[in-house]
Amino acid sequence: MTVHELPKRLFTLAETAHILSMGRTRLFAEIRDGRLDTVGTGKNRRVTVDAIDAYVELLKHEAEDAA
């Protein structure tokens, strides 16, 4: 099942970390570095399905460039 097959379109940071198989520390670093976009304000940050897909594509491109 892909993220696009899920009915949910916005994910909490905890859900996003689980989807991307990473810890909170790394997730926050990726957000802080501008590699993963979020929406919302304050404590209510969410990650869109499109932002998750864009992040995965970024990782793929980085892996290809390293090869």
C-alpha atoms as a PDB file:
ATOM      1  CA  MET A   1       0.000   0.000   0.000  1.00  0.00           C
ATOM      2  CA  THR A   2       1.335   3.423  -0.895  1.00  0.00           C
ATOM      3  CA  VAL A   3       0.760   6.633   1.026  1.00  0.00           C
ATOM      4  CA  HIS A   4      -1.547   7.800  -1.782  1.00  0.00           C
ATOM      5  CA  GLU A   5      -3.827   4.825  -1.162  1.00  0.00           C
ATOM      6  CA  LEU A   6      -4.443   5.968   2.396  1.00  0.00           C
ATOM      7  CA  PRO A   7      -7.518   8.144   2.922  1.00  0.00           C
ATOM      8  CA  LYS A   8      -5.598  10.401   5.278  1.00  0.00           C
ATOM      9  CA  ARG A   9      -3.854  13.411   3.659  1.00  0.00           C
ATOM     10  CA  LEU A  10      -2.136  15.020   6.669  1.00  0.00           C
ATOM     11  CA  PHE A  11       0.073  13.203   9.136  1.00  0.00           C
ATOM     12  CA  THR A  12       1.351  14.145  12.575  1.00  0.00           C
ATOM     13  CA  LEU A  13       5.088  14.245  13.045  1.00  0.00           C
ATOM     14  CA  ALA A  14       4.965  10.957  14.963  1.00  0.00           C
ATOM     15  CA  GLU A  15       3.025   9.314  12.129  1.00  0.00           C
ATOM     16  CA  THR A  16       5.443  10.726   9.577  1.00  0.00           C
ATOM     17  CA  ALA A  17       8.438   9.374  11.480  1.00  0.00           C
ATOM     18  CA  HIS A  18       6.775   5.951  11.504  1.00  0.00           C
ATOM     19  CA  ILE A  19       5.940   6.104   7.769  1.00  0.00           C
ATOM     20  CA  LEU A  20       9.518   7.099   6.925  1.00  0.00           C
ATOM     21  CA  SER A  21      11.045   4.623   9.402  1.00  0.00           C
ATOM     22  CA  MET A  22      13.052   7.257  11.241  1.00  0.00           C
ATOM     23  CA  GLY A  23      13.262   8.617  14.741  1.00  0.00           C
ATOM     24  CA  ARG A  24      11.982  11.965  15.966  1.00  0.00           C
ATOM     25  CA  THR A  25      15.466  13.470  16.162  1.00  0.00           C
ATOM     26  CA  ARG A  26      16.212  12.743  12.513  1.00  0.00           C
ATOM     27  CA  LEU A  27      12.720  13.851  11.463  1.00  0.00           C
ATOM     28  CA  PHE A  28      13.143  17.209  13.191  1.00  0.00           C
ATOM     29  CA  ALA A  29      16.597  17.606  11.619  1.00  0.00           C
ATOM     30  CA  GLU A  30      15.178  16.946   8.142  1.00  0.00           C
ATOM     31  CA  ILE A  31      12.427  19.522   8.760  1.00  0.00           C
ATOM     32  CA  ARG A  32      14.886  22.066  10.190  1.00  0.00           C
ATOM     33  CA  ASP A  33      17.197  21.590   7.185  1.00  0.00           C
ATOM     34  CA  GLY A  34      14.304  22.206   4.783  1.00  0.00           C
ATOM     35  CA  ARG A  35      14.371  18.707   3.344  1.00  0.00           C
ATOM     36  CA  LEU A  36      10.855  17.819   4.549  1.00  0.00           C
ATOM     37  CA  ASP A  37       8.081  20.397   4.370  1.00  0.00           C
ATOM     38  CA  THR A  38       5.402  20.814   7.015  1.00  0.00           C
ATOM     39  CA  VAL A  39       2.193  22.819   7.250  1.00  0.00           C
ATOM     40  CA  GLY A  40       0.416  24.415  10.198  1.00  0.00           C
ATOM     41  CA  THR A  41       1.585  26.511  13.098  1.00  0.00           C
ATOM     42  CA  GLY A  42       3.093  25.982  16.504  1.00  0.00           C
ATOM     43  CA  LYS A  43       2.526  22.544  18.013  1.00  0.00           C
ATOM     44  CA  ASN A  44       0.123  21.556  15.251  1.00  0.00           C
ATOM     45  CA  ARG A  45       2.661  20.794  12.542  1.00  0.00           C
ATOM     46  CA  ARG A  46       1.518  18.272   9.955  1.00  0.00           C
ATOM     47  CA  VAL A  47       3.153  16.684   6.930  1.00  0.00           C
ATOM     48  CA  THR A  48       1.244  16.288   3.680  1.00  0.00           C
ATOM     49  CA  VAL A  49       1.273  13.184   1.525  1.00  0.00           C
ATOM     50  CA  ASP A  50       2.931  15.259  -1.216  1.00  0.00           C
ATOM     51  CA  ALA A  51       5.704  16.350   1.164  1.00  0.00           C
ATOM     52  CA  ILE A  52       6.359  12.720   2.117  1.00  0.00           C
ATOM     53  CA  ASP A  53       6.514  11.733  -1.554  1.00  0.00           C
ATOM     54  CA  ALA A  54       8.843  14.646  -2.358  1.00  0.00           C
ATOM     55  CA  TYR A  55      11.144  13.637   0.502  1.00  0.00           C
ATOM     56  CA  VAL A  56      11.296  10.026  -0.723  1.00  0.00           C
ATOM     57  CA  GLU A  57      12.102  11.262  -4.243  1.00  0.00           C
ATOM     58  CA  LEU A  58      14.858  13.455  -2.797  1.00  0.00           C
ATOM     59  CA  LEU A  59      16.356  10.402  -1.091  1.00  0.00           C
ATOM     60  CA  LYS A  60      16.178   8.420  -4.333  1.00  0.00           C
ATOM     61  CA  HIS A  61      17.950  11.170  -6.289  1.00  0.00           C
ATOM     62  CA  GLU A  62      20.638  11.469  -3.639  1.00  0.00           C
ATOM     63  CA  ALA A  63      21.201   7.698  -3.773  1.00  0.00           C
ATOM     64  CA  GLU A  64      21.442   7.792  -7.579  1.00  0.00           C
ATOM     65  CA  ASP A  65      23.889  10.700  -7.487  1.00  0.00           C
ATOM     66  CA  ALA A  66      26.074   8.871  -4.969  1.00  0.00           C
ATOM     67  CA  ALA A  67      26.271   5.772  -7.149  1.00  0.00           C
END
